[in-house]
C-alpha cells in the first residue's frame, strides 16, 4: 500500500471517529430517544459544543471528497513521491487538529488548520496532474 493510500485509510478511520464523538455529544444533549428519532428541531436543545462538533463533522464531509479524488489521481497516475506522501499525511494531521480546534473555538487557528488541509489536497491534485 502506498503512503497516500495509507493516509486515505487513516482519514476514513478519523472520519468515523469524528462522527462517533459528535453523536456521543448529541446523545448526551437529547438522550437516546432524541438521537434515534428523526432529529428534527433539535438545534435548540443542543449545547454550543455539540453544535460545533456537528459543524466540524459536516466540514469533514465537505473536505474528504476532494482528498479522496486527489489520492486516487496521484496513485492511478503513478505520480506518488515523497512529496505526495507528505501532503497526504499533512491532510490527515490537519484533520486531526481541525476537530478539536473547531470544538474549542481556536480562532484563527481553526481556519489556518483548514487552509493547511486544503493546501495539501490542492498540492496532491496538481502533482497528480503534471
Protein backbone atom coordinates (compact mmCIF):
# COMPACT_ATOMS: atom_id res chain seq x y z
CA UNK A 1 0.00 0.00 0.00
CA UNK A 2 1.33 3.42 -0.88
CA UNK A 3 1.69 6.03 1.87
CA UNK A 4 -1.04 8.05 0.16
CA UNK A 5 -3.49 5.14 0.34
CA UNK A 6 -2.50 4.54 3.97
CA UNK A 7 -3.28 8.20 4.67
CA UNK A 8 -6.61 7.77 2.91
CA UNK A 9 -7.40 4.76 5.11
CA UNK A 10 -6.42 6.74 8.20
CA UNK A 11 -8.69 9.56 7.04
CA UNK A 12 -11.63 7.15 6.82
CA UNK A 13 -10.98 5.93 10.36
CA UNK A 14 -10.66 9.52 11.58
CA UNK A 15 -13.91 10.39 9.81
CA UNK A 16 -15.73 7.59 11.64
CA UNK A 17 -14.19 8.74 14.93
CA UNK A 18 -15.38 12.30 14.29
CA UNK A 19 -18.91 11.07 13.64
CA UNK A 20 -18.81 8.92 16.78
CA UNK A 21 -17.70 11.81 19.01
CA UNK A 22 -20.33 14.13 17.53
CA UNK A 23 -23.03 11.51 18.08
CA UNK A 24 -21.94 10.91 21.68
CA UNK A 25 -22.38 14.59 22.46
CA UNK A 26 -25.71 14.63 20.63
CA UNK A 27 -26.91 11.71 22.76
CA UNK A 28 -25.69 13.50 25.86
CA UNK A 29 -27.82 16.51 24.96
CA UNK A 30 -31.03 14.86 23.73
CA UNK A 31 -30.86 11.29 25.02
CA UNK A 32 -31.02 8.07 23.06
CA UNK A 33 -34.62 8.62 22.01
CA UNK A 34 -33.75 12.01 20.54
CA UNK A 35 -30.71 10.63 18.77
CA UNK A 36 -32.61 7.65 17.37
CA UNK A 37 -35.57 9.78 16.28
CA UNK A 38 -35.95 12.00 13.24
CA UNK A 39 -33.67 14.66 14.77
CA UNK A 40 -35.99 17.40 13.56
CA UNK A 41 -35.95 20.63 15.55
CA UNK A 42 -33.04 19.55 17.75
CA UNK A 43 -30.88 22.64 17.33
CA UNK A 44 -32.40 24.47 20.31
CA UNK A 45 -31.66 21.50 22.59
CA UNK A 46 -28.00 21.16 21.66
CA UNK A 47 -25.14 22.66 23.61
CA UNK A 48 -22.79 25.06 21.83
CA UNK A 49 -20.08 22.36 21.95
CA UNK A 50 -22.34 19.78 20.30
CA UNK A 51 -23.31 22.28 17.61
CA UNK A 52 -19.62 22.98 16.91
CA UNK A 53 -18.86 19.25 16.75
CA UNK A 54 -21.69 18.75 14.27
CA UNK A 55 -20.35 21.60 12.12
CA UNK A 56 -16.84 20.12 12.31
CA UNK A 57 -18.25 16.78 11.14
CA UNK A 58 -20.08 18.50 8.27
CA UNK A 59 -16.84 20.23 7.33
CA UNK A 60 -15.10 16.85 7.27
CA UNK A 61 -17.74 15.57 4.84
CA UNK A 62 -17.12 18.59 2.59
CA UNK A 63 -13.35 18.10 2.60
CA UNK A 64 -12.98 14.33 2.38
CA UNK A 65 -14.32 14.09 -1.19
CA UNK A 66 -11.65 16.24 -2.83
CA UNK A 67 -8.97 14.46 -0.77
CA UNK A 68 -10.20 11.05 -1.95
CA UNK A 69 -10.09 12.27 -5.55
CA UNK A 70 -6.61 13.73 -5.07
CA UNK A 71 -5.21 10.48 -3.66
CA UNK A 72 -6.85 8.37 -6.38
CA UNK A 73 -5.49 10.67 -9.10
CA UNK A 74 -1.94 10.56 -7.70
CA UNK A 75 -1.97 6.78 -7.27
CA UNK A 76 -3.64 5.92 -10.59
CA UNK A 77 -1.41 8.36 -12.49
CA UNK A 78 1.59 6.70 -10.83
CA UNK A 79 2.78 10.08 -9.58
CA UNK A 80 3.46 9.07 -5.96
CA UNK A 81 6.57 10.55 -4.39
CA UNK A 82 7.93 11.61 -1.04
CA UNK A 83 6.18 14.95 -1.52
CA UNK A 84 2.79 13.38 -2.25
CA UNK A 85 3.17 11.16 0.82
CA UNK A 86 3.96 14.21 2.97
CA UNK A 87 0.97 16.08 1.54
CA UNK A 88 -1.38 13.15 2.12
CA UNK A 89 -0.28 12.73 5.72
CA UNK A 90 -0.33 16.51 6.13
CA UNK A 91 -4.03 16.42 5.28
CA UNK A 92 -4.56 13.72 7.92
CA UNK A 93 -2.68 15.80 10.51
CA UNK A 94 -4.75 18.87 9.63
CA UNK A 95 -7.99 16.91 10.07
CA UNK A 96 -6.79 15.51 13.41
CA UNK A 97 -6.20 19.06 14.62
CA UNK A 98 -9.29 20.59 13.00
CA UNK A 99 -11.96 18.89 15.11
CA UNK A 100 -10.59 20.00 18.49
CA UNK A 101 -9.77 23.40 17.00
CA UNK A 102 -13.41 23.81 15.99
CA UNK A 103 -14.79 22.33 19.21
CA UNK A 104 -12.60 24.53 21.41
CA UNK A 105 -13.07 27.68 19.32
CA UNK A 106 -9.44 28.18 18.35
CA UNK A 107 -9.59 31.36 16.31
CA UNK A 108 -7.89 31.92 13.89
CA UNK A 109 -6.15 28.54 14.37
CA UNK A 110 -9.13 26.60 13.08
CA UNK A 111 -9.11 28.48 9.79
CA UNK A 112 -5.36 28.11 9.40
CA UNK A 113 -5.61 24.36 10.04
CA UNK A 114 -8.40 24.11 7.46
CA UNK A 115 -6.23 26.05 4.99
CA UNK A 116 -3.32 23.67 5.59
CA UNK A 117 -5.54 20.72 4.72
CA UNK A 118 -6.79 22.42 1.57
CA UNK A 119 -3.23 23.23 0.51
CA UNK A 120 -2.32 19.57 0.93
CA UNK A 121 -5.30 18.44 -1.14
CA UNK A 122 -4.65 21.02 -3.84
CA UNK A 123 -0.98 20.08 -3.94
CA UNK A 124 -1.88 16.43 -4.46
CA UNK A 125 -4.24 17.32 -7.30
CA UNK A 126 -1.63 19.47 -9.01
CA UNK A 127 1.11 16.84 -8.63
CA UNK A 128 -1.22 14.18 -9.97
CA UNK A 129 -1.99 16.34 -12.97
CA UNK A 130 1.52 17.40 -14.01
